[in-house]
PDB file of N, CA and C in Angstrom:
ATOM      1  N   MET A   1      84.902  89.748  80.458  1.00  0.00           N
ATOM      2  CA  MET A   1      85.179  88.525  81.171  1.00  0.00           C
ATOM      3  C   MET A   1      86.014  88.859  82.402  1.00  0.00           C
ATOM      4  N   THR A   2      85.596  88.380  83.533  1.00  0.00           N
ATOM      5  CA  THR A   2      86.335  88.595  84.763  1.00  0.00           C
ATOM      6  C   THR A   2      87.216  87.382  85.014  1.00  0.00           C
ATOM      7  N   ARG A   3      88.487  87.643  85.167  1.00  0.00           N
ATOM      8  CA  ARG A   3      89.425  86.569  85.485  1.00  0.00           C
ATOM      9  C   ARG A   3      89.973  86.828  86.869  1.00  0.00           C
ATOM     10  N   HIS A   4      90.157  85.790  87.627  1.00  0.00           N
ATOM     11  CA  HIS A   4      90.747  85.950  88.939  1.00  0.00           C
ATOM     12  C   HIS A   4      91.436  84.666  89.364  1.00  0.00           C
ATOM     13  N   SER A   5      92.309  84.802  90.312  1.00  0.00           N
ATOM     14  CA  SER A   5      93.013  83.671  90.893  1.00  0.00           C
ATOM     15  C   SER A   5      92.873  83.791  92.401  1.00  0.00           C
ATOM     16  N   SER A   6      92.702  82.670  93.046  1.00  0.00           N
ATOM     17  CA  SER A   6      92.500  82.718  94.484  1.00  0.00           C
ATOM     18  C   SER A   6      93.295  81.621  95.170  1.00  0.00           C
ATOM     19  N   ARG A   7      93.922  81.971  96.220  1.00  0.00           N
ATOM     20  CA  ARG A   7      94.624  81.029  97.089  1.00  0.00           C
ATOM     21  C   ARG A   7      94.124  81.304  98.498  1.00  0.00           C
ATOM     22  N   SER A   8      94.544  80.525  99.438  1.00  0.00           N
ATOM     23  CA  SER A   8      94.026  80.670 100.791  1.00  0.00           C
ATOM     24  C   SER A   8      94.323  82.044 101.401  1.00  0.00           C
ATOM     25  N   ARG A   9      95.428  82.677 101.020  1.00  0.00           N
ATOM     26  CA  ARG A   9      95.774  83.952 101.640  1.00  0.00           C
ATOM     27  C   ARG A   9      95.874  85.113 100.665  1.00  0.00           C
ATOM     28  N   LEU A  10      95.670  84.853  99.396  1.00  0.00           N
ATOM     29  CA  LEU A  10      95.843  85.902  98.398  1.00  0.00           C
ATOM     30  C   LEU A  10      94.767  85.781  97.336  1.00  0.00           C
ATOM     31  N   LYS A  11      94.143  86.903  97.013  1.00  0.00           N
ATOM     32  CA  LYS A  11      93.160  86.937  95.935  1.00  0.00           C
ATOM     33  C   LYS A  11      93.581  88.001  94.936  1.00  0.00           C
ATOM     34  N   LEU A  12      93.696  87.617  93.691  1.00  0.00           N
ATOM     35  CA  LEU A  12      94.038  88.541  92.619  1.00  0.00           C
ATOM     36  C   LEU A  12      92.842  88.661  91.694  1.00  0.00           C
ATOM     37  N   ARG A  13      92.601  89.847  91.196  1.00  0.00           N
ATOM     38  CA  ARG A  13      91.527  90.024  90.229  1.00  0.00           C
ATOM     39  C   ARG A  13      91.910  91.135  89.268  1.00  0.00           C
ATOM     40  N   GLU A  14      91.261  91.128  88.122  1.00  0.00           N
ATOM     41  CA  GLU A  14      91.499  92.170  87.132  1.00  0.00           C
ATOM     42  C   GLU A  14      91.038  93.514  87.692  1.00  0.00           C
ATOM     43  N   LEU A  15      91.747  94.574  87.347  1.00  0.00           N
ATOM     44  CA  LEU A  15      91.320  95.908  87.749  1.00  0.00           C
ATOM     45  C   LEU A  15      90.140  96.348  86.903  1.00  0.00           C
ATOM     46  N   THR A  16      89.274  97.119  87.495  1.00  0.00           N
ATOM     47  CA  THR A  16      88.162  97.741  86.778  1.00  0.00           C
ATOM     48  C   THR A  16      88.179  99.224  87.115  1.00  0.00           C
ATOM     49  N   THR A  17      87.386 100.004  86.396  1.00  0.00           N
ATOM     50  CA  THR A  17      87.341 101.437  86.686  1.00  0.00           C
ATOM     51  C   THR A  17      86.784 101.697  88.084  1.00  0.00           C
ATOM     52  N   GLY A  18      86.147 100.707  88.677  1.00  0.00           N
ATOM     53  CA  GLY A  18      85.633 100.846  90.035  1.00  0.00           C
ATOM     54  C   GLY A  18      86.716 100.941  91.096  1.00  0.00           C
ATOM     55  N   VAL A  19      87.970 100.659  90.732  1.00  0.00           N
ATOM     56  CA  VAL A  19      89.056 100.716  91.712  1.00  0.00           C
ATOM     57  C   VAL A  19      89.659 102.109  91.848  1.00  0.00           C
ATOM     58  N   VAL A  20      89.221 103.047  91.019  1.00  0.00           N
ATOM     59  CA  VAL A  20      89.812 104.386  91.050  1.00  0.00           C
ATOM     60  C   VAL A  20      89.731 104.989  92.444  1.00  0.00           C
ATOM     61  N   ASP A  21      88.588 104.876  93.102  1.00  0.00           N
ATOM     62  CA  ASP A  21      88.456 105.451  94.446  1.00  0.00           C
ATOM     63  C   ASP A  21      89.385 104.764  95.441  1.00  0.00           C
ATOM     64  N   ALA A  22      89.532 103.456  95.345  1.00  0.00           N
ATOM     65  CA  ALA A  22      90.412 102.726  96.258  1.00  0.00           C
ATOM     66  C   ALA A  22      91.880 103.104  96.026  1.00  0.00           C
ATOM     67  N   VAL A  23      92.272 103.212  94.763  1.00  0.00           N
ATOM     68  CA  VAL A  23      93.651 103.617  94.450  1.00  0.00           C
ATOM     69  C   VAL A  23      93.885 105.058  94.900  1.00  0.00           C
ATOM     70  N   HIS A  24      92.889 105.916  94.708  1.00  0.00           N
ATOM     71  CA  HIS A  24      93.016 107.306  95.144  1.00  0.00           C
ATOM     72  C   HIS A  24      93.131 107.401  96.663  1.00  0.00           C
ATOM     73  N   ALA A  25      92.453 106.506  97.376  1.00  0.00           N
ATOM     74  CA  ALA A  25      92.540 106.516  98.844  1.00  0.00           C
ATOM     75  C   ALA A  25      93.985 106.341  99.298  1.00  0.00           C
ATOM     76  N   ILE A  26      94.768 105.622  98.518  1.00  0.00           N
ATOM     77  CA  ILE A  26      96.181 105.423  98.851  1.00  0.00           C
ATOM     78  C   ILE A  26      97.029 106.561  98.288  1.00  0.00           C
ATOM     79  N   TYR A  27      96.971 106.745  96.976  1.00  0.00           N
ATOM     80  CA  TYR A  27      97.853 107.714  96.324  1.00  0.00           C
ATOM     81  C   TYR A  27      97.433 109.169  96.520  1.00  0.00           C
ATOM     82  N   GLY A  28      96.269 109.383  97.096  1.00  0.00           N
ATOM     83  CA  GLY A  28      95.848 110.742  97.414  1.00  0.00           C
ATOM     84  C   GLY A  28      96.107 111.121  98.858  1.00  0.00           C
ATOM     85  N   ASP A  29      96.562 110.165  99.639  1.00  0.00           N
ATOM     86  CA  ASP A  29      96.789 110.372 101.072  1.00  0.00           C
ATOM     87  C   ASP A  29      98.215 110.864 101.324  1.00  0.00           C
ATOM     88  N   PRO A  30      98.373 112.059 101.882  1.00  0.00           N
ATOM     89  CA  PRO A  30      99.712 112.588 102.139  1.00  0.00           C
ATOM     90  C   PRO A  30     100.568 111.672 103.018  1.00  0.00           C
ATOM     91  N   ALA A  31      99.970 111.017 103.988  1.00  0.00           N
ATOM     92  CA  ALA A  31     100.751 110.119 104.851  1.00  0.00           C
ATOM     93  C   ALA A  31     101.224 108.888 104.085  1.00  0.00           C
ATOM     94  N   ALA A  32     100.372 108.371 103.201  1.00  0.00           N
ATOM     95  CA  ALA A  32     100.729 107.171 102.437  1.00  0.00           C
ATOM     96  C   ALA A  32     101.776 107.475 101.371  1.00  0.00           C
ATOM     97  N   THR A  33     101.814 108.703 100.891  1.00  0.00           N
ATOM     98  CA  THR A  33     102.746 109.068  99.826  1.00  0.00           C
ATOM     99  C   THR A  33     103.950 109.868 100.329  1.00  0.00           C
ATOM    100  N   GLU A  34     104.065 109.957 101.622  1.00  0.00           N
ATOM    101  CA  GLU A  34     105.128 110.780 102.226  1.00  0.00           C
ATOM    102  C   GLU A  34     106.523 110.447 101.705  1.00  0.00           C
ATOM    103  N   HIS A  35     106.810 109.175 101.462  1.00  0.00           N
ATOM    104  CA  HIS A  35     108.155 108.774 101.062  1.00  0.00           C
ATOM    105  C   HIS A  35     108.255 108.446  99.572  1.00  0.00           C
ATOM    106  N   LEU A  36     107.228 108.783  98.806  1.00  0.00           N
ATOM    107  CA  LEU A  36     107.283 108.602  97.360  1.00  0.00           C
ATOM    108  C   LEU A  36     107.910 109.829  96.718  1.00  0.00           C
ATOM    109  N   SER A  37     108.301 109.683  95.471  1.00  0.00           N
ATOM    110  CA  SER A  37     108.967 110.796  94.794  1.00  0.00           C
ATOM    111  C   SER A  37     107.986 111.792  94.187  1.00  0.00           C
ATOM    112  N   SER A  38     106.690 111.605  94.422  1.00  0.00           N
ATOM    113  CA  SER A  38     105.698 112.541  93.900  1.00  0.00           C
ATOM    114  C   SER A  38     104.770 113.003  95.019  1.00  0.00           C
ATOM    115  N   THR A  39     104.009 114.024  94.730  1.00  0.00           N
ATOM    116  CA  THR A  39     103.039 114.532  95.703  1.00  0.00           C
ATOM    117  C   THR A  39     101.757 113.701  95.608  1.00  0.00           C
ATOM    118  N   PRO A  40     100.863 113.822  96.581  1.00  0.00           N
ATOM    119  CA  PRO A  40      99.585 113.099  96.502  1.00  0.00           C
ATOM    120  C   PRO A  40      98.831 113.454  95.219  1.00  0.00           C
ATOM    121  N   CYS A  41      98.119 112.482  94.682  1.00  0.00           N
ATOM    122  CA  CYS A  41      97.385 112.654  93.425  1.00  0.00           C
ATOM    123  C   CYS A  41      95.929 113.018  93.681  1.00  0.00           C
ATOM    124  N   THR A  42      95.363 113.760  92.759  1.00  0.00           N
ATOM    125  CA  THR A  42      93.922 114.009  92.799  1.00  0.00           C
ATOM    126  C   THR A  42      93.219 112.777  92.232  1.00  0.00           C
ATOM    127  N   ARG A  43      91.916 112.683  92.448  1.00  0.00           N
ATOM    128  CA  ARG A  43      91.159 111.550  91.908  1.00  0.00           C
ATOM    129  C   ARG A  43      91.241 111.549  90.376  1.00  0.00           C
ATOM    130  N   ASP A  44      91.171 112.718  89.767  1.00  0.00           N
ATOM    131  CA  ASP A  44      91.258 112.799  88.306  1.00  0.00           C
ATOM    132  C   ASP A  44      92.613 112.310  87.792  1.00  0.00           C
ATOM    133  N   GLU A  45      93.677 112.623  88.522  1.00  0.00           N
ATOM    134  CA  GLU A  45      95.007 112.140  88.120  1.00  0.00           C
ATOM    135  C   GLU A  45      95.076 110.618  88.212  1.00  0.00           C
ATOM    136  N   VAL A  46      94.525 110.057  89.274  1.00  0.00           N
ATOM    137  CA  VAL A  46      94.513 108.600  89.422  1.00  0.00           C
ATOM    138  C   VAL A  46      93.708 107.970  88.290  1.00  0.00           C
ATOM    139  N   ALA A  47      92.534 108.504  88.009  1.00  0.00           N
ATOM    140  CA  ALA A  47      91.698 107.978  86.923  1.00  0.00           C
ATOM    141  C   ALA A  47      92.419 108.071  85.583  1.00  0.00           C
ATOM    142  N   GLY A  48      93.190 109.129  85.406  1.00  0.00           N
ATOM    143  CA  GLY A  48      93.942 109.306  84.168  1.00  0.00           C
ATOM    144  C   GLY A  48      95.036 108.289  83.969  1.00  0.00           C
ATOM    145  N   VAL A  49      95.485 107.672  85.029  1.00  0.00           N
ATOM    146  CA  VAL A  49      96.495 106.616  84.942  1.00  0.00           C
ATOM    147  C   VAL A  49      95.834 105.237  84.907  1.00  0.00           C
ATOM    148  N   VAL A  50      94.877 105.007  85.782  1.00  0.00           N
ATOM    149  CA  VAL A  50      94.251 103.696  85.910  1.00  0.00           C
ATOM    150  C   VAL A  50      93.420 103.334  84.677  1.00  0.00           C
ATOM    151  N   THR A  51      92.600 104.250  84.203  1.00  0.00           N
ATOM    152  CA  THR A  51      91.670 103.948  83.107  1.00  0.00           C
ATOM    153  C   THR A  51      92.384 103.529  81.819  1.00  0.00           C
ATOM    154  N   PRO A  52      93.398 104.259  81.343  1.00  0.00           N
ATOM    155  CA  PRO A  52      94.098 103.800  80.136  1.00  0.00           C
ATOM    156  C   PRO A  52      94.828 102.473  80.350  1.00  0.00           C
ATOM    157  N   GLY A  53      95.323 102.249  81.550  1.00  0.00           N
ATOM    158  CA  GLY A  53      95.988 100.979  81.839  1.00  0.00           C
ATOM    159  C   GLY A  53      95.036  99.802  81.735  1.00  0.00           C
ATOM    160  N   ILE A  54      93.822  99.992  82.223  1.00  0.00           N
ATOM    161  CA  ILE A  54      92.807  98.945  82.127  1.00  0.00           C
ATOM    162  C   ILE A  54      92.454  98.708  80.661  1.00  0.00           C
ATOM    163  N   ALA A  55      92.266  99.769  79.914  1.00  0.00           N
ATOM    164  CA  ALA A  55      91.919  99.644  78.493  1.00  0.00           C
ATOM    165  C   ALA A  55      93.021  98.916  77.731  1.00  0.00           C
ATOM    166  N   ALA A  56      94.260  99.231  78.026  1.00  0.00           N
ATOM    167  CA  ALA A  56      95.384  98.567  77.362  1.00  0.00           C
ATOM    168  C   ALA A  56      95.429  97.087  77.719  1.00  0.00           C
ATOM    169  N   ALA A  57      95.185  96.768  78.978  1.00  0.00           N
ATOM    170  CA  ALA A  57      95.205  95.370  79.410  1.00  0.00           C
ATOM    171  C   ALA A  57      94.083  94.580  78.763  1.00  0.00           C
ATOM    172  N   LEU A  58      92.918  95.178  78.630  1.00  0.00           N
ATOM    173  CA  LEU A  58      91.788  94.484  78.011  1.00  0.00           C
ATOM    174  C   LEU A  58      92.047  94.208  76.542  1.00  0.00           C
ATOM    175  N   GLY A  59      92.812  95.050  75.911  1.00  0.00           N
ATOM    176  CA  GLY A  59      93.126  94.862  74.500  1.00  0.00           C
ATOM    177  C   GLY A  59      94.290  93.939  74.261  1.00  0.00           C
ATOM    178  N   SER A  60      94.904  93.460  75.335  1.00  0.00           N
ATOM    179  CA  SER A  60      96.104  92.630  75.174  1.00  0.00           C
ATOM    180  C   SER A  60      96.013  91.332  75.946  1.00  0.00           C
ATOM    181  N   ALA A  61      94.848  90.737  76.003  1.00  0.00           N
ATOM    182  CA  ALA A  61      94.644  89.518  76.783  1.00  0.00           C
ATOM    183  C   ALA A  61      95.479  88.349  76.289  1.00  0.00           C
ATOM    184  N   ASP A  62      95.947  88.425  75.057  1.00  0.00           N
ATOM    185  CA  ASP A  62      96.734  87.321  74.514  1.00  0.00           C
ATOM    186  C   ASP A  62      98.239  87.546  74.663  1.00  0.00           C
ATOM    187  N   ARG A  63      98.639  88.624  75.335  1.00  0.00           N
ATOM    188  CA  ARG A  63     100.063  88.920  75.519  1.00  0.00           C
ATOM    189  C   ARG A  63     100.461  88.766  76.984  1.00  0.00           C
ATOM    190  N   CYS A  64     101.734  88.656  77.195  1.00  0.00           N
ATOM    191  CA  CYS A  64     102.296  88.575  78.542  1.00  0.00           C
ATOM    192  C   CYS A  64     101.999  89.867  79.291  1.00  0.00           C
ATOM    193  N   ALA A  65     101.659  89.768  80.558  1.00  0.00           N
ATOM    194  CA  ALA A  65     101.331  90.933  81.366  1.00  0.00           C
ATOM    195  C   ALA A  65     102.513  91.878  81.538  1.00  0.00           C
ATOM    196  N   MET A  66     103.734  91.394  81.340  1.00  0.00           N
ATOM    197  CA  MET A  66     104.920  92.221  81.534  1.00  0.00           C
ATOM    198  C   MET A  66     105.273  93.042  80.288  1.00  0.00           C
ATOM    199  N   GLY A  67     104.469  92.940  79.244  1.00  0.00           N
ATOM    200  CA  GLY A  67     104.721  93.774  78.067  1.00  0.00           C
ATOM    201  C   GLY A  67     105.002  92.984  76.901  1.00  0.00           C
TER     202      GLY A  67
END
């Protein structure tokens, strides 16, 4: 089930595994991560973080998003 919320200037949607490339475009870019406390991530590293997070969220639809 896809859930989303939309307002005139902001659109929120559930993450899917299809976002790995978009997240990697940010967290894999040395310029974008220059001031973060970690080095740029590989695509596999991003997938290793994003995919379990999505799976956990899908299994907890009846709980608060904050934990």
